[in-house]
Amino acid sequence: MVTKAKKANRATGMIKVKMIGSVIGCPEKQRATVRGLGLRRMHQVVERQDTPQVRGMVKKVPHLVAIVN
């Protein structure tokens, strides 16, 4: 069953991205990608437009970020 929050996010074209891994020891390109998503600290959640660019950034660092409800 889909909740109201999920329906609202799909209708507005938004996704929530959560930082699940640390950037300590990661290459600079990966740090820049996480920073470009607007994430600064562990377990922080940000809401971004669901665009191919944002989806691509999430795919580049799947070990550091996750898409949450």
PDB file of N, CA and C in Angstrom:
ATOM      1  N   MET A   1       0.831  -1.179   0.000  1.00  0.00           N
ATOM      2  CA  MET A   1       0.000   0.000   0.000  1.00  0.00           C
ATOM      3  C   MET A   1       0.877   1.244   0.000  1.00  0.00           C
ATOM      4  N   VAL A   2       0.591   2.180  -0.839  1.00  0.00           N
ATOM      5  CA  VAL A   2       1.375   3.395  -0.972  1.00  0.00           C
ATOM      6  C   VAL A   2       0.836   4.450  -0.012  1.00  0.00           C
ATOM      7  N   THR A   3       1.739   5.058   0.750  1.00  0.00           N
ATOM      8  CA  THR A   3       1.310   6.079   1.699  1.00  0.00           C
ATOM      9  C   THR A   3       1.089   7.407   0.997  1.00  0.00           C
ATOM     10  N   LYS A   4       0.455   8.345   1.713  1.00  0.00           N
ATOM     11  CA  LYS A   4       0.191   9.659   1.141  1.00  0.00           C
ATOM     12  C   LYS A   4       1.482  10.393   0.821  1.00  0.00           C
ATOM     13  N   ALA A   5       2.498  10.227   1.673  1.00  0.00           N
ATOM     14  CA  ALA A   5       3.768  10.909   1.448  1.00  0.00           C
ATOM     15  C   ALA A   5       4.419  10.439   0.149  1.00  0.00           C
ATOM     16  N   LYS A   6       4.370   9.142  -0.111  1.00  0.00           N
ATOM     17  CA  LYS A   6       4.952   8.610  -1.342  1.00  0.00           C
ATOM     18  C   LYS A   6       4.205   9.122  -2.562  1.00  0.00           C
ATOM     19  N   LYS A   7       2.876   9.155  -2.464  1.00  0.00           N
ATOM     20  CA  LYS A   7       2.086   9.662  -3.577  1.00  0.00           C
ATOM     21  C   LYS A   7       2.401  11.126  -3.844  1.00  0.00           C
ATOM     22  N   ALA A   8       2.542  11.905  -2.789  1.00  0.00           N
ATOM     23  CA  ALA A   8       2.830  13.331  -2.940  1.00  0.00           C
ATOM     24  C   ALA A   8       4.192  13.534  -3.585  1.00  0.00           C
ATOM     25  N   ASN A   9       5.183  12.733  -3.180  1.00  0.00           N
ATOM     26  CA  ASN A   9       6.520  12.863  -3.745  1.00  0.00           C
ATOM     27  C   ASN A   9       6.537  12.482  -5.224  1.00  0.00           C
ATOM     28  N   ARG A  10       5.792  11.457  -5.591  1.00  0.00           N
ATOM     29  CA  ARG A  10       5.754  11.065  -7.007  1.00  0.00           C
ATOM     30  C   ARG A  10       5.063  12.130  -7.835  1.00  0.00           C
ATOM     31  N   ALA A  11       4.010  12.717  -7.277  1.00  0.00           N
ATOM     32  CA  ALA A  11       3.254  13.726  -8.009  1.00  0.00           C
ATOM     33  C   ALA A  11       4.088  14.983  -8.216  1.00  0.00           C
ATOM     34  N   THR A  12       4.897  15.352  -7.224  1.00  0.00           N
ATOM     35  CA  THR A  12       5.702  16.570  -7.339  1.00  0.00           C
ATOM     36  C   THR A  12       7.051  16.300  -7.975  1.00  0.00           C
ATOM     37  N   GLY A  13       7.410  15.039  -8.149  1.00  0.00           N
ATOM     38  CA  GLY A  13       8.685  14.714  -8.774  1.00  0.00           C
ATOM     39  C   GLY A  13       9.863  14.950  -7.867  1.00  0.00           C
ATOM     40  N   MET A  14       9.713  14.641  -6.574  1.00  0.00           N
ATOM     41  CA  MET A  14      10.787  14.839  -5.608  1.00  0.00           C
ATOM     42  C   MET A  14      11.249  13.478  -5.074  1.00  0.00           C
ATOM     43  N   ILE A  15      12.534  13.407  -4.716  1.00  0.00           N
ATOM     44  CA  ILE A  15      13.066  12.229  -4.038  1.00  0.00           C
ATOM     45  C   ILE A  15      13.832  12.703  -2.813  1.00  0.00           C
ATOM     46  N   LYS A  16      13.899  11.840  -1.818  1.00  0.00           N
ATOM     47  CA  LYS A  16      14.668  12.142  -0.610  1.00  0.00           C
ATOM     48  C   LYS A  16      15.932  11.299  -0.652  1.00  0.00           C
ATOM     49  N   VAL A  17      17.069  11.952  -0.464  1.00  0.00           N
ATOM     50  CA  VAL A  17      18.363  11.285  -0.509  1.00  0.00           C
ATOM     51  C   VAL A  17      18.987  11.370   0.876  1.00  0.00           C
ATOM     52  N   LYS A  18      19.465  10.220   1.379  1.00  0.00           N
ATOM     53  CA  LYS A  18      20.055  10.159   2.709  1.00  0.00           C
ATOM     54  C   LYS A  18      21.507   9.726   2.603  1.00  0.00           C
ATOM     55  N   MET A  19      22.383  10.388   3.349  1.00  0.00           N
ATOM     56  CA  MET A  19      23.795  10.019   3.368  1.00  0.00           C
ATOM     57  C   MET A  19      23.974   8.880   4.369  1.00  0.00           C
ATOM     58  N   ILE A  20      24.417   7.715   3.885  1.00  0.00           N
ATOM     59  CA  ILE A  20      24.547   6.533   4.732  1.00  0.00           C
ATOM     60  C   ILE A  20      25.992   6.118   4.948  1.00  0.00           C
ATOM     61  N   GLY A  21      26.925   6.742   4.228  1.00  0.00           N
ATOM     62  CA  GLY A  21      28.330   6.393   4.371  1.00  0.00           C
ATOM     63  C   GLY A  21      29.189   7.637   4.478  1.00  0.00           C
ATOM     64  N   SER A  22      30.343   7.491   5.075  1.00  0.00           N
ATOM     65  CA  SER A  22      31.250   8.609   5.270  1.00  0.00           C
ATOM     66  C   SER A  22      32.109   8.843   4.032  1.00  0.00           C
ATOM     67  N   VAL A  23      32.448  10.097   3.793  1.00  0.00           N
ATOM     68  CA  VAL A  23      33.306  10.431   2.655  1.00  0.00           C
ATOM     69  C   VAL A  23      34.785  10.430   3.041  1.00  0.00           C
ATOM     70  N   ILE A  24      35.078  10.091   4.290  1.00  0.00           N
ATOM     71  CA  ILE A  24      36.472  10.009   4.727  1.00  0.00           C
ATOM     72  C   ILE A  24      37.162   8.909   3.933  1.00  0.00           C
ATOM     73  N   GLY A  25      38.241   9.229   3.276  1.00  0.00           N
ATOM     74  CA  GLY A  25      38.985   8.253   2.498  1.00  0.00           C
ATOM     75  C   GLY A  25      38.469   8.049   1.084  1.00  0.00           C
ATOM     76  N   CYS A  26      37.412   8.759   0.720  1.00  0.00           N
ATOM     77  CA  CYS A  26      36.859   8.635  -0.635  1.00  0.00           C
ATOM     78  C   CYS A  26      37.596   9.572  -1.591  1.00  0.00           C
ATOM     79  N   PRO A  27      37.613   9.232  -2.867  1.00  0.00           N
ATOM     80  CA  PRO A  27      38.218  10.130  -3.851  1.00  0.00           C
ATOM     81  C   PRO A  27      37.483  11.472  -3.906  1.00  0.00           C
ATOM     82  N   GLU A  28      38.182  12.481  -4.322  1.00  0.00           N
ATOM     83  CA  GLU A  28      37.641  13.844  -4.359  1.00  0.00           C
ATOM     84  C   GLU A  28      36.405  13.952  -5.256  1.00  0.00           C
ATOM     85  N   LYS A  29      36.353  13.192  -6.346  1.00  0.00           N
ATOM     86  CA  LYS A  29      35.182  13.234  -7.229  1.00  0.00           C
ATOM     87  C   LYS A  29      33.930  12.738  -6.513  1.00  0.00           C
ATOM     88  N   GLN A  30      34.082  11.707  -5.683  1.00  0.00           N
ATOM     89  CA  GLN A  30      32.939  11.197  -4.933  1.00  0.00           C
ATOM     90  C   GLN A  30      32.508  12.187  -3.856  1.00  0.00           C
ATOM     91  N   ARG A  31      33.463  12.826  -3.213  1.00  0.00           N
ATOM     92  CA  ARG A  31      33.141  13.856  -2.221  1.00  0.00           C
ATOM     93  C   ARG A  31      32.372  15.001  -2.879  1.00  0.00           C
ATOM     94  N   ALA A  32      32.809  15.385  -4.062  1.00  0.00           N
ATOM     95  CA  ALA A  32      32.153  16.473  -4.777  1.00  0.00           C
ATOM     96  C   ALA A  32      30.727  16.085  -5.176  1.00  0.00           C
ATOM     97  N   THR A  33      30.529  14.841  -5.539  1.00  0.00           N
ATOM     98  CA  THR A  33      29.195  14.373  -5.909  1.00  0.00           C
ATOM     99  C   THR A  33      28.251  14.423  -4.714  1.00  0.00           C
ATOM    100  N   VAL A  34      28.715  13.940  -3.574  1.00  0.00           N
ATOM    101  CA  VAL A  34      27.889  13.972  -2.357  1.00  0.00           C
ATOM    102  C   VAL A  34      27.599  15.406  -1.960  1.00  0.00           C
ATOM    103  N   ARG A  35      28.595  16.241  -2.050  1.00  0.00           N
ATOM    104  CA  ARG A  35      28.420  17.658  -1.711  1.00  0.00           C
ATOM    105  C   ARG A  35      27.456  18.324  -2.691  1.00  0.00           C
ATOM    106  N   GLY A  36      27.523  17.939  -3.954  1.00  0.00           N
ATOM    107  CA  GLY A  36      26.621  18.479  -4.968  1.00  0.00           C
ATOM    108  C   GLY A  36      25.171  18.097  -4.729  1.00  0.00           C
ATOM    109  N   LEU A  37      24.961  16.994  -4.056  1.00  0.00           N
ATOM    110  CA  LEU A  37      23.600  16.605  -3.678  1.00  0.00           C
ATOM    111  C   LEU A  37      23.103  17.405  -2.478  1.00  0.00           C
ATOM    112  N   GLY A  38      24.004  18.150  -1.845  1.00  0.00           N
ATOM    113  CA  GLY A  38      23.616  18.971  -0.708  1.00  0.00           C
ATOM    114  C   GLY A  38      23.765  18.276   0.630  1.00  0.00           C
ATOM    115  N   LEU A  39      24.523  17.181   0.654  1.00  0.00           N
ATOM    116  CA  LEU A  39      24.701  16.416   1.888  1.00  0.00           C
ATOM    117  C   LEU A  39      26.010  16.804   2.560  1.00  0.00           C
ATOM    118  N   ARG A  40      25.942  17.020   3.870  1.00  0.00           N
ATOM    119  CA  ARG A  40      27.125  17.434   4.612  1.00  0.00           C
ATOM    120  C   ARG A  40      27.511  16.459   5.708  1.00  0.00           C
ATOM    121  N   ARG A  41      26.525  15.808   6.329  1.00  0.00           N
ATOM    122  CA  ARG A  41      26.829  14.938   7.461  1.00  0.00           C
ATOM    123  C   ARG A  41      26.064  13.615   7.357  1.00  0.00           C
ATOM    124  N   MET A  42      26.524  12.656   8.128  1.00  0.00           N
ATOM    125  CA  MET A  42      25.919  11.323   8.122  1.00  0.00           C
ATOM    126  C   MET A  42      24.450  11.390   8.528  1.00  0.00           C
ATOM    127  N   HIS A  43      23.622  10.581   7.892  1.00  0.00           N
ATOM    128  CA  HIS A  43      22.196  10.430   8.183  1.00  0.00           C
ATOM    129  C   HIS A  43      21.375  11.687   7.883  1.00  0.00           C
ATOM    130  N   GLN A  44      21.972  12.638   7.198  1.00  0.00           N
ATOM    131  CA  GLN A  44      21.227  13.824   6.780  1.00  0.00           C
ATOM    132  C   GLN A  44      20.367  13.450   5.576  1.00  0.00           C
ATOM    133  N   VAL A  45      19.147  13.965   5.536  1.00  0.00           N
ATOM    134  CA  VAL A  45      18.228  13.702   4.437  1.00  0.00           C
ATOM    135  C   VAL A  45      17.908  15.019   3.752  1.00  0.00           C
ATOM    136  N   VAL A  46      18.029  15.051   2.426  1.00  0.00           N
ATOM    137  CA  VAL A  46      17.670  16.229   1.647  1.00  0.00           C
ATOM    138  C   VAL A  46      16.662  15.822   0.588  1.00  0.00           C
ATOM    139  N   GLU A  47      15.852  16.760   0.177  1.00  0.00           N
ATOM    140  CA  GLU A  47      14.844  16.504  -0.847  1.00  0.00           C
ATOM    141  C   GLU A  47      15.285  17.204  -2.123  1.00  0.00           C
ATOM    142  N   ARG A  48      15.336  16.459  -3.213  1.00  0.00           N
ATOM    143  CA  ARG A  48      15.791  16.985  -4.493  1.00  0.00           C
ATOM    144  C   ARG A  48      14.762  16.662  -5.577  1.00  0.00           C
ATOM    145  N   GLN A  49      14.794  17.435  -6.652  1.00  0.00           N
ATOM    146  CA  GLN A  49      13.948  17.157  -7.806  1.00  0.00           C
ATOM    147  C   GLN A  49      14.366  15.809  -8.395  1.00  0.00           C
ATOM    148  N   ASP A  50      13.393  15.037  -8.826  1.00  0.00           N
ATOM    149  CA  ASP A  50      13.676  13.734  -9.426  1.00  0.00           C
ATOM    150  C   ASP A  50      13.996  13.941 -10.903  1.00  0.00           C
ATOM    151  N   THR A  51      15.262  14.245 -11.175  1.00  0.00           N
ATOM    152  CA  THR A  51      15.723  14.477 -12.539  1.00  0.00           C
ATOM    153  C   THR A  51      16.771  13.418 -12.896  1.00  0.00           C
ATOM    154  N   PRO A  52      17.046  13.240 -14.168  1.00  0.00           N
ATOM    155  CA  PRO A  52      18.092  12.293 -14.559  1.00  0.00           C
ATOM    156  C   PRO A  52      19.462  12.665 -13.995  1.00  0.00           C
ATOM    157  N   GLN A  53      19.722  13.959 -13.827  1.00  0.00           N
ATOM    158  CA  GLN A  53      21.007  14.397 -13.287  1.00  0.00           C
ATOM    159  C   GLN A  53      21.169  13.955 -11.836  1.00  0.00           C
ATOM    160  N   VAL A  54      20.146  14.140 -11.046  1.00  0.00           N
ATOM    161  CA  VAL A  54      20.205  13.753  -9.634  1.00  0.00           C
ATOM    162  C   VAL A  54      20.269  12.236  -9.517  1.00  0.00           C
ATOM    163  N   ARG A  55      19.481  11.522 -10.316  1.00  0.00           N
ATOM    164  CA  ARG A  55      19.521  10.054 -10.300  1.00  0.00           C
ATOM    165  C   ARG A  55      20.924   9.548 -10.670  1.00  0.00           C
ATOM    166  N   GLY A  56      21.559  10.201 -11.632  1.00  0.00           N
ATOM    167  CA  GLY A  56      22.916   9.826 -12.030  1.00  0.00           C
ATOM    168  C   GLY A  56      23.918  10.050 -10.920  1.00  0.00           C
ATOM    169  N   MET A  57      23.760  11.151 -10.184  1.00  0.00           N
ATOM    170  CA  MET A  57      24.660  11.424  -9.061  1.00  0.00           C
ATOM    171  C   MET A  57      24.504  10.356  -7.982  1.00  0.00           C
ATOM    172  N   VAL A  58      23.273   9.953  -7.723  1.00  0.00           N
ATOM    173  CA  VAL A  58      23.022   8.911  -6.723  1.00  0.00           C
ATOM    174  C   VAL A  58      23.621   7.586  -7.185  1.00  0.00           C
ATOM    175  N   LYS A  59      23.534   7.289  -8.473  1.00  0.00           N
ATOM    176  CA  LYS A  59      24.100   6.042  -9.010  1.00  0.00           C
ATOM    177  C   LYS A  59      25.629   6.015  -8.940  1.00  0.00           C
ATOM    178  N   LYS A  60      26.271   7.179  -8.960  1.00  0.00           N
ATOM    179  CA  LYS A  60      27.735   7.244  -8.902  1.00  0.00           C
ATOM    180  C   LYS A  60      28.275   6.904  -7.522  1.00  0.00           C
ATOM    181  N   VAL A  61      27.467   7.139  -6.480  1.00  0.00           N
ATOM    182  CA  VAL A  61      27.934   6.888  -5.111  1.00  0.00           C
ATOM    183  C   VAL A  61      26.900   6.082  -4.316  1.00  0.00           C
ATOM    184  N   PRO A  62      26.515   4.896  -4.803  1.00  0.00           N
ATOM    185  CA  PRO A  62      25.473   4.130  -4.106  1.00  0.00           C
ATOM    186  C   PRO A  62      25.912   3.631  -2.727  1.00  0.00           C
ATOM    187  N   HIS A  63      27.214   3.559  -2.505  1.00  0.00           N
ATOM    188  CA  HIS A  63      27.725   3.108  -1.213  1.00  0.00           C
ATOM    189  C   HIS A  63      27.706   4.228  -0.174  1.00  0.00           C
ATOM    190  N   LEU A  64      27.459   5.460  -0.604  1.00  0.00           N
ATOM    191  CA  LEU A  64      27.448   6.595   0.302  1.00  0.00           C
ATOM    192  C   LEU A  64      26.049   7.187   0.526  1.00  0.00           C
ATOM    193  N   VAL A  65      25.144   7.006  -0.435  1.00  0.00           N
ATOM    194  CA  VAL A  65      23.814   7.591  -0.321  1.00  0.00           C
ATOM    195  C   VAL A  65      22.748   6.553  -0.632  1.00  0.00           C
ATOM    196  N   ALA A  66      21.522   6.851  -0.176  1.00  0.00           N
ATOM    197  CA  ALA A  66      20.376   5.979  -0.459  1.00  0.00           C
ATOM    198  C   ALA A  66      19.150   6.851  -0.669  1.00  0.00           C
ATOM    199  N   ILE A  67      18.222   6.361  -1.464  1.00  0.00           N
ATOM    200  CA  ILE A  67      16.955   7.042  -1.664  1.00  0.00           C
ATOM    201  C   ILE A  67      15.983   6.493  -0.628  1.00  0.00           C
ATOM    202  N   VAL A  68      15.402   7.385   0.174  1.00  0.00           N
ATOM    203  CA  VAL A  68      14.475   6.982   1.236  1.00  0.00           C
ATOM    204  C   VAL A  68      13.075   7.478   0.907  1.00  0.00           C
ATOM    205  N   ASN A  69      12.111   7.040   1.681  1.00  0.00           N
ATOM    206  CA  ASN A  69      10.709   7.426   1.459  1.00  0.00           C
ATOM    207  C   ASN A  69      10.576   8.880   1.668  1.00  0.00           C
TER     208      ASN A  69
END
